[in-house]
Protein backbone atom coordinates (compact mmCIF):
# COMPACT_ATOMS: atom_id res chain seq x y z
CA UNK A 1 0.00 0.00 0.00
CA UNK A 2 2.75 2.45 0.97
CA UNK A 3 4.57 1.69 -2.28
CA UNK A 4 1.44 2.55 -4.29
CA UNK A 5 0.94 5.82 -2.38
CA UNK A 6 4.59 6.76 -2.87
CA UNK A 7 4.56 6.04 -6.63
CA UNK A 8 1.20 7.74 -7.09
CA UNK A 9 2.42 10.82 -5.21
CA UNK A 10 5.54 10.96 -7.40
CA UNK A 11 3.48 10.73 -10.60
CA UNK A 12 1.09 13.47 -9.50
CA UNK A 13 3.74 15.86 -8.26
CA UNK A 14 6.46 15.51 -10.92
CA UNK A 15 4.90 16.91 -14.14
CA UNK A 16 4.95 20.52 -12.91
CA UNK A 17 8.41 20.44 -11.30
CA UNK A 18 11.83 21.26 -12.67
CA UNK A 19 14.49 18.54 -12.87
CA UNK A 20 16.20 19.73 -9.68
CA UNK A 21 12.91 19.94 -7.80
CA UNK A 22 11.95 16.42 -8.91
CA UNK A 23 15.28 15.06 -7.72
CA UNK A 24 15.06 16.91 -4.41
CA UNK A 25 11.53 15.63 -3.83
CA UNK A 26 12.49 12.06 -4.75
CA UNK A 27 15.54 12.21 -2.50
CA UNK A 28 13.58 13.75 0.36
CA UNK A 29 10.90 11.09 0.10
CA UNK A 30 13.45 8.28 -0.04
CA UNK A 31 15.31 9.31 3.12
CA UNK A 32 18.34 10.77 1.38
CA UNK A 33 19.59 13.78 3.32
CA UNK A 34 20.60 16.34 0.68
CA UNK A 35 22.58 18.51 3.09
CA UNK A 36 24.51 15.63 4.64
CA UNK A 37 24.92 13.78 1.32
CA UNK A 38 24.33 10.54 3.19
CA UNK A 39 21.62 7.93 3.40
CA UNK A 40 19.88 8.65 6.68
CA UNK A 41 17.36 5.79 6.97
CA UNK A 42 17.92 2.81 4.67
CA UNK A 43 15.02 0.92 6.28
CA UNK A 44 12.61 3.70 5.22
CA UNK A 45 13.91 3.56 1.65
CA UNK A 46 13.51 -0.22 1.61
CA UNK A 47 9.96 -0.02 2.98
CA UNK A 48 8.98 2.66 0.46
CA UNK A 49 10.26 0.46 -2.35
CA UNK A 50 8.32 -2.51 -0.99
CA UNK A 51 11.37 -4.80 -0.87
CA UNK A 52 12.44 -7.30 1.75
CA UNK A 53 15.98 -7.13 3.16
CA UNK A 54 17.27 -9.92 0.92
CA UNK A 55 16.09 -8.16 -2.27
CA UNK A 56 17.08 -4.65 -1.19
CA UNK A 57 20.58 -5.35 0.10
CA UNK A 58 21.31 -8.10 -2.43
CA UNK A 59 21.04 -5.61 -5.29
CA UNK A 60 24.10 -3.80 -3.96
CA UNK A 61 26.07 -6.86 -2.90
CA UNK A 62 25.39 -6.72 0.84
CA UNK A 63 24.15 -9.77 2.72
CA UNK A 64 20.78 -9.68 4.43
CA UNK A 65 22.43 -9.87 7.85
CA UNK A 66 24.82 -7.02 7.00
CA UNK A 67 21.94 -4.91 5.75
CA UNK A 68 20.02 -5.62 8.91
CA UNK A 69 22.93 -4.32 10.97
CA UNK A 70 23.04 -1.09 8.88
CA UNK A 71 19.29 -0.66 9.35
CA UNK A 72 19.78 -1.07 13.11
CA UNK A 73 22.25 1.79 13.29
CA UNK A 74 25.68 0.38 12.47
CA UNK A 75 27.76 2.85 10.48
CA UNK A 76 27.54 2.19 6.77
CA UNK A 77 30.81 2.50 4.81
CA UNK A 78 30.86 5.28 2.22
CA UNK A 79 31.01 2.88 -0.79
CA UNK A 80 27.90 1.06 0.46
CA UNK A 81 26.11 4.40 0.96
CA UNK A 82 26.97 5.44 -2.59
CA UNK A 83 25.84 2.11 -4.06
CA UNK A 84 22.60 2.34 -2.10
CA UNK A 85 22.04 5.87 -3.39
CA UNK A 86 22.81 4.94 -7.01
CA UNK A 87 20.71 1.79 -7.08
CA UNK A 88 17.74 2.59 -4.85
CA UNK A 89 17.44 6.39 -4.86
CA UNK A 90 18.72 7.37 -8.30
CA UNK A 91 17.41 4.09 -9.80
CA UNK A 92 20.60 3.43 -11.81
CA UNK A 93 21.10 -0.12 -13.05
CA UNK A 94 24.76 -0.59 -12.13
CA UNK A 95 24.82 -3.91 -14.01
CA UNK A 96 24.78 -1.91 -17.25
CA UNK A 97 27.87 0.14 -16.38
CA UNK A 98 30.98 -1.32 -18.01
CA UNK A 99 34.71 -1.03 -17.51
CA UNK A 100 34.74 0.86 -20.81
CA UNK A 101 32.46 3.52 -19.33
CA UNK A 102 34.97 4.10 -16.55
CA UNK A 103 37.86 4.17 -19.04
CA UNK A 104 36.11 6.83 -21.13
CA UNK A 105 35.43 8.95 -18.06
CA UNK A 106 39.00 8.56 -16.86
CA UNK A 107 40.38 9.51 -20.28
CA UNK A 108 38.07 12.50 -20.55
CA UNK A 109 39.07 13.73 -17.08
CA UNK A 110 42.78 13.64 -17.90
CA UNK A 111 42.84 14.60 -21.60
CA UNK A 112 39.96 17.11 -21.72
CA UNK A 113 39.34 18.36 -18.17
CA UNK A 114 37.41 21.46 -19.26
CA UNK A 115 35.12 19.42 -21.49
CA UNK A 116 34.64 16.85 -18.73
CA UNK A 117 33.74 19.57 -16.23
CA UNK A 118 31.25 21.18 -18.64
CA UNK A 119 29.60 17.86 -19.52
CA UNK A 120 29.40 16.86 -15.88
CA UNK A 121 27.81 20.19 -14.93
CA UNK A 122 25.27 19.88 -17.75
CA UNK A 123 24.39 16.36 -16.70
CA UNK A 124 23.93 17.36 -13.06
CA UNK A 125 21.81 20.42 -13.78
CA UNK A 126 19.78 18.82 -16.55
CA UNK A 127 20.79 21.47 -19.09
CA UNK A 128 20.70 19.67 -22.40
CA UNK A 129 23.24 19.96 -25.15
CA UNK A 130 20.75 21.68 -27.48
CA UNK A 131 22.47 25.01 -26.95
CA UNK A 132 25.87 23.55 -27.76
CA UNK A 133 24.58 21.51 -30.71
CA UNK A 134 23.53 24.71 -32.52
CA UNK A 135 27.06 26.11 -32.32
CA UNK A 136 28.42 23.53 -34.77
């Protein structure tokens, strides 16, 4: 029931919001503390998604018992927090990310740092490349 309410609320509230507002709302609803940049309540996120511990924690490579300890207050390592955010908050399918993707990013960072910075900023703010495509 809670999962239906959460999804329905997201559908109703998102059409009139900007990209940043949508993300902030989604993150706020999922228990992601924007100011702290940390997952504050993984149990709340799991409940809102309607998943059991095995499904939720298994998607990021954490055992059910380990996830249970994090939900009970044990400090979560930064890499686990980031995976949780990527997979369950940002809804990114990390199985589709390849070593080649990381190699391209690494190359772009070192060979074209200004281009990398501009592309990264555009991706984060949601500003499309339409403006830059007309320059060609």
